[in-house]
Amino acid sequence: MNFQIVSLFPKLIESYLSEGIVHQAFKKDIYSCSVLNPRDYADDAHKSVDDRPFGGGDGMVMRPEILEKTLKARADKTGRVIYL
């Protein structure tokens, strides 16, 4: 099984995957995993990936063009994409 995770915090994901039973499964080649950071596909000097909500209000939203570039960069394009 091959997983590709998109995260703004790749080191957090990688540290989780390098411990315990999950790491044991990785060492036995039960699964493989790679982490894609959307900031790697940002086009400005600050590597910005978020924008203000279009309807106003609090919070930030992911810029769709950055997410599109990140998803197109996946090595395995045959699998499912699950948004959380």
C-alpha atoms as a PDB file:
ATOM      1  CA  MET A   1       0.000   0.000   0.000  1.00  0.00           C
ATOM      2  CA  ASN A   2       1.325   3.431  -0.904  1.00  0.00           C
ATOM      3  CA  PHE A   3       0.194   6.621   0.821  1.00  0.00           C
ATOM      4  CA  GLN A   4       0.974  10.161  -0.240  1.00  0.00           C
ATOM      5  CA  ILE A   5       0.050  12.777   2.339  1.00  0.00           C
ATOM      6  CA  VAL A   6      -0.281  16.502   1.649  1.00  0.00           C
ATOM      7  CA  SER A   7       0.558  18.518   4.755  1.00  0.00           C
ATOM      8  CA  LEU A   8       1.851  21.943   5.689  1.00  0.00           C
ATOM      9  CA  PHE A   9       3.652  20.177   8.536  1.00  0.00           C
ATOM     10  CA  PRO A  10       5.597  17.328   6.872  1.00  0.00           C
ATOM     11  CA  LYS A  11       8.031  16.858   9.775  1.00  0.00           C
ATOM     12  CA  LEU A  12       5.105  16.268  12.122  1.00  0.00           C
ATOM     13  CA  ILE A  13       3.762  13.523   9.847  1.00  0.00           C
ATOM     14  CA  GLU A  14       7.207  11.997   9.290  1.00  0.00           C
ATOM     15  CA  SER A  15       7.926  11.895  13.029  1.00  0.00           C
ATOM     16  CA  TYR A  16       4.642  10.073  13.647  1.00  0.00           C
ATOM     17  CA  LEU A  17       5.412   7.531  10.933  1.00  0.00           C
ATOM     18  CA  SER A  18       8.883   6.837  12.328  1.00  0.00           C
ATOM     19  CA  GLU A  19       7.681   5.451  15.671  1.00  0.00           C
ATOM     20  CA  GLY A  20       5.864   2.444  17.068  1.00  0.00           C
ATOM     21  CA  ILE A  21       3.781  -0.078  15.181  1.00  0.00           C
ATOM     22  CA  VAL A  22       3.456   2.186  12.147  1.00  0.00           C
ATOM     23  CA  HIS A  23       7.235   2.213  11.742  1.00  0.00           C
ATOM     24  CA  GLN A  24       7.386  -1.564  12.163  1.00  0.00           C
ATOM     25  CA  ALA A  25       4.923  -1.945   9.270  1.00  0.00           C
ATOM     26  CA  PHE A  26       7.070   0.404   7.177  1.00  0.00           C
ATOM     27  CA  LYS A  27      10.222  -1.633   7.879  1.00  0.00           C
ATOM     28  CA  LYS A  28       8.403  -4.819   6.806  1.00  0.00           C
ATOM     29  CA  ASP A  29       7.345  -3.169   3.497  1.00  0.00           C
ATOM     30  CA  ILE A  30       3.653  -3.425   4.364  1.00  0.00           C
ATOM     31  CA  TYR A  31       3.194   0.184   3.278  1.00  0.00           C
ATOM     32  CA  SER A  32       5.117   3.132   1.923  1.00  0.00           C
ATOM     33  CA  CYS A  33       4.466   6.779   2.481  1.00  0.00           C
ATOM     34  CA  SER A  34       5.640  10.116   1.152  1.00  0.00           C
ATOM     35  CA  VAL A  35       4.713  13.594   2.309  1.00  0.00           C
ATOM     36  CA  LEU A  36       4.134  16.517  -0.051  1.00  0.00           C
ATOM     37  CA  ASN A  37       4.392  20.058   1.291  1.00  0.00           C
ATOM     38  CA  PRO A  38       2.195  22.583  -0.597  1.00  0.00           C
ATOM     39  CA  ARG A  39       4.706  25.317   0.241  1.00  0.00           C
ATOM     40  CA  ASP A  40       7.089  23.644  -2.214  1.00  0.00           C
ATOM     41  CA  TYR A  41       4.661  24.581  -5.002  1.00  0.00           C
ATOM     42  CA  ALA A  42       3.981  28.180  -3.951  1.00  0.00           C
ATOM     43  CA  ASP A  43       5.126  30.798  -6.433  1.00  0.00           C
ATOM     44  CA  ASP A  44       5.906  33.784  -4.214  1.00  0.00           C
ATOM     45  CA  ALA A  45       8.981  34.609  -2.128  1.00  0.00           C
ATOM     46  CA  HIS A  46       7.189  33.895   1.163  1.00  0.00           C
ATOM     47  CA  LYS A  47       5.842  30.486   0.046  1.00  0.00           C
ATOM     48  CA  SER A  48       2.288  31.597   0.896  1.00  0.00           C
ATOM     49  CA  VAL A  49      -0.360  28.915   0.571  1.00  0.00           C
ATOM     50  CA  ASP A  50      -3.360  30.570   2.170  1.00  0.00           C
ATOM     51  CA  ASP A  51      -5.705  33.438   1.430  1.00  0.00           C
ATOM     52  CA  ARG A  52      -8.543  35.192   3.218  1.00  0.00           C
ATOM     53  CA  PRO A  53     -12.038  33.683   2.883  1.00  0.00           C
ATOM     54  CA  PHE A  54     -13.819  35.141  -0.138  1.00  0.00           C
ATOM     55  CA  GLY A  55     -17.029  35.758   1.819  1.00  0.00           C
ATOM     56  CA  GLY A  56     -15.175  37.460   4.637  1.00  0.00           C
ATOM     57  CA  GLY A  57     -15.035  36.259   8.205  1.00  0.00           C
ATOM     58  CA  ASP A  58     -12.331  34.745  10.362  1.00  0.00           C
ATOM     59  CA  GLY A  59      -9.694  32.252   9.329  1.00  0.00           C
ATOM     60  CA  MET A  60      -7.780  31.431   6.197  1.00  0.00           C
ATOM     61  CA  VAL A  61      -8.334  29.062   3.264  1.00  0.00           C
ATOM     62  CA  MET A  62      -5.883  27.123   1.110  1.00  0.00           C
ATOM     63  CA  ARG A  63      -5.269  28.728  -2.276  1.00  0.00           C
ATOM     64  CA  PRO A  64      -6.775  26.349  -4.844  1.00  0.00           C
ATOM     65  CA  GLU A  65      -4.016  26.794  -7.433  1.00  0.00           C
ATOM     66  CA  ILE A  66      -1.377  25.717  -4.889  1.00  0.00           C
ATOM     67  CA  LEU A  67      -3.396  22.643  -3.924  1.00  0.00           C
ATOM     68  CA  GLU A  68      -3.866  21.798  -7.614  1.00  0.00           C
ATOM     69  CA  LYS A  69      -0.103  21.991  -8.277  1.00  0.00           C
ATOM     70  CA  THR A  70       0.577  19.814  -5.232  1.00  0.00           C
ATOM     71  CA  LEU A  71      -1.921  17.144  -6.283  1.00  0.00           C
ATOM     72  CA  LYS A  72      -0.562  17.097  -9.842  1.00  0.00           C
ATOM     73  CA  ALA A  73       2.926  16.470  -8.433  1.00  0.00           C
ATOM     74  CA  ARG A  74       1.879  13.193  -6.787  1.00  0.00           C
ATOM     75  CA  ALA A  75       3.965  10.242  -7.888  1.00  0.00           C
ATOM     76  CA  ASP A  76       1.017   7.814  -7.899  1.00  0.00           C
ATOM     77  CA  LYS A  77      -1.807   9.466  -9.815  1.00  0.00           C
ATOM     78  CA  THR A  78      -3.926   6.291  -9.971  1.00  0.00           C
ATOM     79  CA  GLY A  79      -5.013   6.263  -6.331  1.00  0.00           C
ATOM     80  CA  ARG A  80      -7.862   8.026  -4.609  1.00  0.00           C
ATOM     81  CA  VAL A  81      -7.615  11.549  -3.243  1.00  0.00           C
ATOM     82  CA  ILE A  82      -9.227  12.008   0.160  1.00  0.00           C
ATOM     83  CA  TYR A  83      -9.677  15.545   1.469  1.00  0.00           C
ATOM     84  CA  LEU A  84      -9.828  16.052   5.245  1.00  0.00           C
END
